[in-house]
Amino acid sequence: MATEQALHIAARCWCDPRTSDRTMDPALAEVFAEALDATVEKLQHDMEIAWGLIANAYGGDWDKASLGSGWKKAAERWRDEAWSPLASAICKNEEVEPEKA
């Protein structure tokens, strides 16, 4: 069974100008929502694994990384830009807004 959030996302697809002329199909929306949930679950799992690897690099002491490698800054940027908003949204069951370039 799909989560309520995934069902809302799937249902909004029928409000898109490219599809708003079509009749909503609840069964299809449910299948879309289940696929969204499965994808989000896999992404969450992959993000947790990636964060575990990054957080534990250099024995968890990022200051051991050489300054010239840029590794510490890259890890901090990933933590702050990629992980934190997603982790926060997951905990609050919110949508993550894409960053504006």
Protein backbone atom coordinates (compact mmCIF):
# COMPACT_ATOMS: atom_id res chain seq x y z
CA MET A 1 0.00 0.00 0.00
CA ALA A 2 1.33 3.41 -0.96
CA THR A 3 1.98 6.22 1.50
CA GLU A 4 -0.33 9.21 1.52
CA GLN A 5 2.49 11.49 0.38
CA ALA A 6 3.26 9.29 -2.64
CA LEU A 7 -0.44 9.16 -3.52
CA HIS A 8 -0.58 12.97 -3.47
CA ILE A 9 2.46 13.21 -5.74
CA ALA A 10 0.99 10.67 -8.16
CA ALA A 11 -2.39 12.42 -8.17
CA ARG A 12 -0.76 15.77 -8.93
CA CYS A 13 0.46 14.29 -12.21
CA TRP A 14 -3.09 14.62 -13.54
CA CYS A 15 -2.98 18.36 -12.71
CA ASP A 16 0.05 18.92 -14.92
CA PRO A 17 -0.85 20.96 -18.03
CA ARG A 18 0.45 18.11 -20.21
CA THR A 19 -1.98 15.59 -18.68
CA SER A 20 -4.84 17.67 -17.25
CA ASP A 21 -7.08 16.71 -20.18
CA ARG A 22 -7.04 13.06 -19.09
CA THR A 23 -9.38 11.42 -16.58
CA MET A 24 -7.59 10.40 -13.42
CA ASP A 25 -7.15 6.66 -13.00
CA PRO A 26 -7.05 5.83 -9.25
CA ALA A 27 -5.59 2.35 -9.82
CA LEU A 28 -2.79 3.79 -11.95
CA ALA A 29 -2.16 6.51 -9.35
CA GLU A 30 -1.80 3.78 -6.70
CA VAL A 31 0.74 1.90 -8.84
CA PHE A 32 2.69 5.12 -9.47
CA ALA A 33 2.64 5.89 -5.75
CA GLU A 34 3.92 2.43 -4.84
CA ALA A 35 6.74 2.84 -7.38
CA LEU A 36 7.57 6.25 -5.88
CA ASP A 37 7.67 4.77 -2.38
CA ALA A 38 9.97 1.94 -3.51
CA THR A 39 12.30 4.40 -5.24
CA VAL A 40 12.42 6.72 -2.23
CA GLU A 41 13.13 3.78 0.07
CA LYS A 42 16.06 2.68 -2.11
CA LEU A 43 17.40 6.24 -2.32
CA GLN A 44 17.15 6.62 1.45
CA HIS A 45 19.05 3.38 1.92
CA ASP A 46 21.74 4.42 -0.56
CA MET A 47 22.06 7.85 1.07
CA GLU A 48 22.47 6.25 4.49
CA ILE A 49 25.22 3.97 3.17
CA ALA A 50 26.97 6.88 1.46
CA TRP A 51 26.76 9.01 4.58
CA GLY A 52 28.12 6.16 6.69
CA LEU A 53 31.13 5.87 4.41
CA ILE A 54 31.74 9.61 4.30
CA ALA A 55 31.20 10.19 8.01
CA ASN A 56 33.65 7.43 8.93
CA ALA A 57 36.38 8.36 6.48
CA TYR A 58 39.69 9.05 8.16
CA GLY A 59 38.39 7.19 11.20
CA GLY A 60 35.69 9.83 11.61
CA ASP A 61 38.31 12.57 12.01
CA TRP A 62 37.99 14.68 8.87
CA ASP A 63 40.80 16.92 10.05
CA LYS A 64 43.22 14.12 9.14
CA ALA A 65 42.43 14.66 5.44
CA SER A 66 45.06 16.72 3.67
CA LEU A 67 43.93 20.28 2.96
CA GLY A 68 45.13 20.04 -0.62
CA SER A 69 42.83 17.11 -1.40
CA GLY A 70 39.68 19.17 -0.95
CA TRP A 71 38.07 16.06 0.52
CA LYS A 72 36.98 17.66 3.79
CA LYS A 73 35.26 20.59 2.06
CA ALA A 74 33.55 18.26 -0.42
CA ALA A 75 32.33 16.00 2.41
CA GLU A 76 31.04 18.97 4.40
CA ARG A 77 29.28 20.36 1.31
CA TRP A 78 27.63 17.01 0.59
CA ARG A 79 26.59 16.68 4.23
CA ASP A 80 25.09 20.18 4.31
CA GLU A 81 23.56 20.35 0.82
CA ALA A 82 22.54 16.79 0.02
CA TRP A 83 22.12 14.86 3.23
CA SER A 84 20.74 17.36 5.74
CA PRO A 85 17.67 18.57 3.78
CA LEU A 86 16.73 15.02 2.80
CA ALA A 87 17.21 13.64 6.29
CA SER A 88 15.20 16.50 7.76
CA ALA A 89 12.36 16.05 5.26
CA ILE A 90 12.27 12.30 5.81
CA CYS A 91 11.95 12.78 9.56
CA LYS A 92 9.19 15.36 9.09
CA ASN A 93 7.55 13.47 6.16
CA GLU A 94 7.87 16.52 3.91
CA GLU A 95 8.80 17.03 0.31
CA VAL A 96 12.31 18.24 -0.50
CA GLU A 97 12.27 21.24 -2.80
CA PRO A 98 14.88 21.14 -5.56
CA GLU A 99 17.55 23.79 -5.21
CA LYS A 100 17.31 26.69 -7.60
CA ALA A 101 20.43 27.02 -9.73
